[in-house]
PDB file of N, CA and C in Angstrom:
ATOM      1  N   MET A   1       4.634   6.108   3.610  1.00  0.00           N
ATOM      2  CA  MET A   1       4.108   6.354   2.281  1.00  0.00           C
ATOM      3  C   MET A   1       3.419   7.711   2.264  1.00  0.00           C
ATOM      4  N   ASN A   2       3.528   8.369   1.120  1.00  0.00           N
ATOM      5  CA  ASN A   2       2.773   9.606   0.998  1.00  0.00           C
ATOM      6  C   ASN A   2       1.306   9.276   0.705  1.00  0.00           C
ATOM      7  N   ASP A   3       0.461  10.283   0.716  1.00  0.00           N
ATOM      8  CA  ASP A   3      -0.987  10.052   0.576  1.00  0.00           C
ATOM      9  C   ASP A   3      -1.358   9.348  -0.729  1.00  0.00           C
ATOM     10  N   GLU A   4      -0.756   9.788  -1.826  1.00  0.00           N
ATOM     11  CA  GLU A   4      -1.090   9.199  -3.130  1.00  0.00           C
ATOM     12  C   GLU A   4      -0.711   7.712  -3.172  1.00  0.00           C
ATOM     13  N   THR A   5       0.498   7.408  -2.735  1.00  0.00           N
ATOM     14  CA  THR A   5       0.974   6.026  -2.741  1.00  0.00           C
ATOM     15  C   THR A   5       0.145   5.167  -1.808  1.00  0.00           C
ATOM     16  N   ARG A   6      -0.202   5.711  -0.644  1.00  0.00           N
ATOM     17  CA  ARG A   6      -0.995   4.955   0.333  1.00  0.00           C
ATOM     18  C   ARG A   6      -2.351   4.584  -0.255  1.00  0.00           C
ATOM     19  N   GLN A   7      -2.992   5.513  -0.940  1.00  0.00           N
ATOM     20  CA  GLN A   7      -4.295   5.224  -1.531  1.00  0.00           C
ATOM     21  C   GLN A   7      -4.190   4.164  -2.631  1.00  0.00           C
ATOM     22  N   GLU A   8      -3.131   4.258  -3.425  1.00  0.00           N
ATOM     23  CA  GLU A   8      -2.917   3.249  -4.460  1.00  0.00           C
ATOM     24  C   GLU A   8      -2.685   1.867  -3.844  1.00  0.00           C
ATOM     25  N   ALA A   9      -1.903   1.823  -2.778  1.00  0.00           N
ATOM     26  CA  ALA A   9      -1.620   0.551  -2.108  1.00  0.00           C
ATOM     27  C   ALA A   9      -2.894  -0.034  -1.502  1.00  0.00           C
ATOM     28  N   LEU A  10      -3.694   0.801  -0.862  1.00  0.00           N
ATOM     29  CA  LEU A  10      -4.947   0.315  -0.281  1.00  0.00           C
ATOM     30  C   LEU A  10      -5.882  -0.227  -1.361  1.00  0.00           C
ATOM     31  N   GLN A  11      -5.943   0.457  -2.484  1.00  0.00           N
ATOM     32  CA  GLN A  11      -6.792  -0.008  -3.586  1.00  0.00           C
ATOM     33  C   GLN A  11      -6.284  -1.353  -4.112  1.00  0.00           C
ATOM     34  N   CYS A  12      -4.976  -1.493  -4.181  1.00  0.00           N
ATOM     35  CA  CYS A  12      -4.380  -2.757  -4.615  1.00  0.00           C
ATOM     36  C   CYS A  12      -4.735  -3.885  -3.644  1.00  0.00           C
ATOM     37  N   LEU A  13      -4.643  -3.616  -2.341  1.00  0.00           N
ATOM     38  CA  LEU A  13      -5.002  -4.630  -1.340  1.00  0.00           C
ATOM     39  C   LEU A  13      -6.472  -5.008  -1.453  1.00  0.00           C
ATOM     40  N   LEU A  14      -7.310  -4.023  -1.698  1.00  0.00           N
ATOM     41  CA  LEU A  14      -8.748  -4.254  -1.851  1.00  0.00           C
ATOM     42  C   LEU A  14      -8.992  -5.270  -2.976  1.00  0.00           C
ATOM     43  N   GLU A  15      -8.326  -5.061  -4.094  1.00  0.00           N
ATOM     44  CA  GLU A  15      -8.504  -5.943  -5.246  1.00  0.00           C
ATOM     45  C   GLU A  15      -7.808  -7.294  -5.044  1.00  0.00           C
ATOM     46  N   GLU A  16      -6.609  -7.254  -4.508  1.00  0.00           N
ATOM     47  CA  GLU A  16      -5.814  -8.481  -4.335  1.00  0.00           C
ATOM     48  C   GLU A  16      -6.498  -9.491  -3.412  1.00  0.00           C
ATOM     49  N   PHE A  17      -7.109  -8.979  -2.338  1.00  0.00           N
ATOM     50  CA  PHE A  17      -7.694  -9.866  -1.339  1.00  0.00           C
ATOM     51  C   PHE A  17      -9.214  -9.872  -1.369  1.00  0.00           C
ATOM     52  N   ASP A  18      -9.782  -9.308  -2.426  1.00  0.00           N
ATOM     53  CA  ASP A  18     -11.227  -9.314  -2.642  1.00  0.00           C
ATOM     54  C   ASP A  18     -11.985  -8.800  -1.415  1.00  0.00           C
ATOM     55  N   GLU A  19     -11.490  -7.687  -0.875  1.00  0.00           N
ATOM     56  CA  GLU A  19     -12.154  -7.049   0.264  1.00  0.00           C
ATOM     57  C   GLU A  19     -13.174  -6.040  -0.255  1.00  0.00           C
ATOM     58  N   LYS A  20     -14.032  -5.574   0.635  1.00  0.00           N
ATOM     59  CA  LYS A  20     -15.111  -4.672   0.241  1.00  0.00           C
ATOM     60  C   LYS A  20     -14.807  -3.205   0.524  1.00  0.00           C
ATOM     61  N   SER A  21     -13.875  -2.932   1.464  1.00  0.00           N
ATOM     62  CA  SER A  21     -13.677  -1.559   1.903  1.00  0.00           C
ATOM     63  C   SER A  21     -12.213  -1.274   2.216  1.00  0.00           C
ATOM     64  N   THR A  22     -11.681  -0.207   1.612  1.00  0.00           N
ATOM     65  CA  THR A  22     -10.323   0.206   1.951  1.00  0.00           C
ATOM     66  C   THR A  22     -10.270   0.709   3.389  1.00  0.00           C
ATOM     67  N   LYS A  23     -11.361   1.285   3.874  1.00  0.00           N
ATOM     68  CA  LYS A  23     -11.392   1.759   5.265  1.00  0.00           C
ATOM     69  C   LYS A  23     -11.234   0.590   6.235  1.00  0.00           C
ATOM     70  N   HIS A  24     -11.875  -0.531   5.925  1.00  0.00           N
ATOM     71  CA  HIS A  24     -11.739  -1.731   6.764  1.00  0.00           C
ATOM     72  C   HIS A  24     -10.283  -2.209   6.776  1.00  0.00           C
ATOM     73  N   ILE A  25      -9.677  -2.259   5.602  1.00  0.00           N
ATOM     74  CA  ILE A  25      -8.282  -2.693   5.510  1.00  0.00           C
ATOM     75  C   ILE A  25      -7.382  -1.755   6.306  1.00  0.00           C
ATOM     76  N   GLN A  26      -7.574  -0.474   6.109  1.00  0.00           N
ATOM     77  CA  GLN A  26      -6.721   0.497   6.784  1.00  0.00           C
ATOM     78  C   GLN A  26      -6.925   0.464   8.305  1.00  0.00           C
ATOM     79  N   LYS A  27      -8.172   0.487   8.734  1.00  0.00           N
ATOM     80  CA  LYS A  27      -8.470   0.554  10.167  1.00  0.00           C
ATOM     81  C   LYS A  27      -8.086  -0.736  10.893  1.00  0.00           C
ATOM     82  N   ASN A  28      -8.465  -1.866  10.355  1.00  0.00           N
ATOM     83  CA  ASN A  28      -8.274  -3.136  11.053  1.00  0.00           C
ATOM     84  C   ASN A  28      -6.929  -3.793  10.765  1.00  0.00           C
ATOM     85  N   TRP A  29      -6.524  -3.795   9.506  1.00  0.00           N
ATOM     86  CA  TRP A  29      -5.288  -4.491   9.161  1.00  0.00           C
ATOM     87  C   TRP A  29      -4.063  -3.637   9.446  1.00  0.00           C
ATOM     88  N   ILE A  30      -4.074  -2.411   8.941  1.00  0.00           N
ATOM     89  CA  ILE A  30      -2.869  -1.591   9.008  1.00  0.00           C
ATOM     90  C   ILE A  30      -2.744  -0.880  10.360  1.00  0.00           C
ATOM     91  N   ILE A  31      -3.697  -0.057  10.692  1.00  0.00           N
ATOM     92  CA  ILE A  31      -3.639   0.692  11.954  1.00  0.00           C
ATOM     93  C   ILE A  31      -3.831  -0.241  13.140  1.00  0.00           C
ATOM     94  N   GLY A  32      -4.787  -1.154  13.041  1.00  0.00           N
ATOM     95  CA  GLY A  32      -5.079  -2.068  14.138  1.00  0.00           C
ATOM     96  C   GLY A  32      -4.069  -3.189  14.293  1.00  0.00           C
ATOM     97  N   GLY A  33      -3.213  -3.378  13.281  1.00  0.00           N
ATOM     98  CA  GLY A  33      -2.192  -4.412  13.363  1.00  0.00           C
ATOM     99  C   GLY A  33      -2.733  -5.831  13.318  1.00  0.00           C
ATOM    100  N   ARG A  34      -3.899  -5.999  12.689  1.00  0.00           N
ATOM    101  CA  ARG A  34      -4.512  -7.329  12.630  1.00  0.00           C
ATOM    102  C   ARG A  34      -4.567  -7.856  11.192  1.00  0.00           C
ATOM    103  N   ILE A  35      -3.423  -7.822  10.535  1.00  0.00           N
ATOM    104  CA  ILE A  35      -3.347  -8.368   9.178  1.00  0.00           C
ATOM    105  C   ILE A  35      -3.438  -9.884   9.284  1.00  0.00           C
ATOM    106  N   PRO A  36      -4.363 -10.497   8.550  1.00  0.00           N
ATOM    107  CA  PRO A  36      -4.440 -11.960   8.593  1.00  0.00           C
ATOM    108  C   PRO A  36      -3.081 -12.581   8.249  1.00  0.00           C
ATOM    109  N   GLU A  37      -2.675 -13.544   9.037  1.00  0.00           N
ATOM    110  CA  GLU A  37      -1.343 -14.137   8.889  1.00  0.00           C
ATOM    111  C   GLU A  37      -1.080 -14.626   7.464  1.00  0.00           C
ATOM    112  N   GLU A  38      -2.082 -15.192   6.842  1.00  0.00           N
ATOM    113  CA  GLU A  38      -1.891 -15.731   5.488  1.00  0.00           C
ATOM    114  C   GLU A  38      -1.661 -14.634   4.444  1.00  0.00           C
ATOM    115  N   HIS A  39      -1.953 -13.369   4.776  1.00  0.00           N
ATOM    116  CA  HIS A  39      -1.766 -12.252   3.839  1.00  0.00           C
ATOM    117  C   HIS A  39      -0.513 -11.435   4.131  1.00  0.00           C
ATOM    118  N   GLN A  40       0.124 -11.649   5.254  1.00  0.00           N
ATOM    119  CA  GLN A  40       1.208 -10.770   5.687  1.00  0.00           C
ATOM    120  C   GLN A  40       2.363 -10.691   4.696  1.00  0.00           C
ATOM    121  N   GLU A  41       2.830 -11.812   4.220  1.00  0.00           N
ATOM    122  CA  GLU A  41       3.967 -11.809   3.298  1.00  0.00           C
ATOM    123  C   GLU A  41       3.637 -11.059   2.009  1.00  0.00           C
ATOM    124  N   LYS A  42       2.467 -11.309   1.466  1.00  0.00           N
ATOM    125  CA  LYS A  42       2.059 -10.646   0.222  1.00  0.00           C
ATOM    126  C   LYS A  42       1.900  -9.135   0.427  1.00  0.00           C
ATOM    127  N   ILE A  43       1.381  -8.732   1.581  1.00  0.00           N
ATOM    128  CA  ILE A  43       1.208  -7.310   1.869  1.00  0.00           C
ATOM    129  C   ILE A  43       2.557  -6.612   1.980  1.00  0.00           C
ATOM    130  N   VAL A  44       3.522  -7.252   2.598  1.00  0.00           N
ATOM    131  CA  VAL A  44       4.867  -6.676   2.674  1.00  0.00           C
ATOM    132  C   VAL A  44       5.420  -6.472   1.261  1.00  0.00           C
ATOM    133  N   GLN A  45       5.261  -7.446   0.397  1.00  0.00           N
ATOM    134  CA  GLN A  45       5.734  -7.328  -0.985  1.00  0.00           C
ATOM    135  C   GLN A  45       5.042  -6.170  -1.707  1.00  0.00           C
ATOM    136  N   ILE A  46       3.736  -6.074  -1.536  1.00  0.00           N
ATOM    137  CA  ILE A  46       2.975  -5.002  -2.183  1.00  0.00           C
ATOM    138  C   ILE A  46       3.457  -3.640  -1.692  1.00  0.00           C
ATOM    139  N   PHE A  47       3.609  -3.489  -0.372  1.00  0.00           N
ATOM    140  CA  PHE A  47       4.061  -2.214   0.176  1.00  0.00           C
ATOM    141  C   PHE A  47       5.469  -1.870  -0.295  1.00  0.00           C
ATOM    142  N   GLN A  48       6.351  -2.851  -0.345  1.00  0.00           N
ATOM    143  CA  GLN A  48       7.709  -2.602  -0.826  1.00  0.00           C
ATOM    144  C   GLN A  48       7.694  -2.116  -2.267  1.00  0.00           C
ATOM    145  N   ASN A  49       6.861  -2.725  -3.085  1.00  0.00           N
ATOM    146  CA  ASN A  49       6.770  -2.308  -4.488  1.00  0.00           C
ATOM    147  C   ASN A  49       6.229  -0.889  -4.611  1.00  0.00           C
ATOM    148  N   PHE A  50       5.219  -0.562  -3.834  1.00  0.00           N
ATOM    149  CA  PHE A  50       4.670   0.791  -3.896  1.00  0.00           C
ATOM    150  C   PHE A  50       5.666   1.827  -3.373  1.00  0.00           C
ATOM    151  N   LEU A  51       6.462   1.463  -2.372  1.00  0.00           N
ATOM    152  CA  LEU A  51       7.494   2.384  -1.889  1.00  0.00           C
ATOM    153  C   LEU A  51       8.576   2.597  -2.944  1.00  0.00           C
ATOM    154  N   ARG A  52       8.919   1.555  -3.686  1.00  0.00           N
ATOM    155  CA  ARG A  52       9.880   1.701  -4.790  1.00  0.00           C
ATOM    156  C   ARG A  52       9.326   2.663  -5.848  1.00  0.00           C
ATOM    157  N   ILE A  53       8.060   2.498  -6.165  1.00  0.00           N
ATOM    158  CA  ILE A  53       7.423   3.387  -7.141  1.00  0.00           C
ATOM    159  C   ILE A  53       7.436   4.821  -6.628  1.00  0.00           C
ATOM    160  N   GLN A  54       7.130   5.014  -5.355  1.00  0.00           N
ATOM    161  CA  GLN A  54       7.119   6.355  -4.770  1.00  0.00           C
ATOM    162  C   GLN A  54       8.514   6.982  -4.860  1.00  0.00           C
ATOM    163  N   ILE A  55       9.540   6.225  -4.525  1.00  0.00           N
ATOM    164  CA  ILE A  55      10.912   6.742  -4.601  1.00  0.00           C
ATOM    165  C   ILE A  55      11.257   7.111  -6.036  1.00  0.00           C
ATOM    166  N   TYR A  56      10.866   6.271  -6.978  1.00  0.00           N
ATOM    167  CA  TYR A  56      11.115   6.546  -8.392  1.00  0.00           C
ATOM    168  C   TYR A  56      10.442   7.857  -8.810  1.00  0.00           C
ATOM    169  N   ARG A  57       9.195   8.040  -8.407  1.00  0.00           N
ATOM    170  CA  ARG A  57       8.462   9.271  -8.750  1.00  0.00           C
ATOM    171  C   ARG A  57       9.141  10.505  -8.150  1.00  0.00           C
ATOM    172  N   ILE A  58       9.576  10.390  -6.911  1.00  0.00           N
ATOM    173  CA  ILE A  58      10.251  11.519  -6.261  1.00  0.00           C
ATOM    174  C   ILE A  58      11.552  11.854  -6.987  1.00  0.00           C
ATOM    175  N   ASN A  59      12.295  10.831  -7.368  1.00  0.00           N
ATOM    176  CA  ASN A  59      13.542  11.054  -8.101  1.00  0.00           C
ATOM    177  C   ASN A  59      13.275  11.670  -9.462  1.00  0.00           C
ATOM    178  N   GLU A  60      12.186  11.288 -10.099  1.00  0.00           N
ATOM    179  CA  GLU A  60      11.818  11.871 -11.386  1.00  0.00           C
ATOM    180  C   GLU A  60      11.522  13.361 -11.233  1.00  0.00           C
ATOM    181  N   ILE A  61      10.837  13.721 -10.172  1.00  0.00           N
ATOM    182  CA  ILE A  61      10.534  15.130  -9.927  1.00  0.00           C
ATOM    183  C   ILE A  61      11.817  15.910  -9.735  1.00  0.00           C
ATOM    184  N   LYS A  62      12.768  15.381  -8.977  1.00  0.00           N
ATOM    185  CA  LYS A  62      14.041  16.060  -8.739  1.00  0.00           C
ATOM    186  C   LYS A  62      14.813  16.246 -10.038  1.00  0.00           C
ATOM    187  N   VAL A  63      14.824  15.232 -10.885  1.00  0.00           N
ATOM    188  CA  VAL A  63      15.554  15.298 -12.138  1.00  0.00           C
ATOM    189  C   VAL A  63      14.933  16.333 -13.073  1.00  0.00           C
ATOM    190  N   ASN A  64      13.623  16.414 -13.078  1.00  0.00           N
ATOM    191  CA  ASN A  64      12.920  17.335 -13.986  1.00  0.00           C
ATOM    192  C   ASN A  64      12.955  18.781 -13.529  1.00  0.00           C
ATOM    193  N   LEU A  65      13.319  19.034 -12.284  1.00  0.00           N
ATOM    194  CA  LEU A  65      13.377  20.412 -11.804  1.00  0.00           C
ATOM    195  C   LEU A  65      14.617  21.021 -12.307  1.00  0.00           C
TER     196      LEU A  65
END
């Protein structure tokens, strides 16, 4: 993910799972590989959706150039 998409995804995870800190999610869940098992499927879905949005945005930029 690019920086913009990554920040949006982290903010979404923060709200979806009622967490207090995007840094905690990023450091422990994503980088540390300790995503709680009960959240793994939903996180994959969220990331896939954000990657689709990112691809769409990139394609829009190419079309508009």
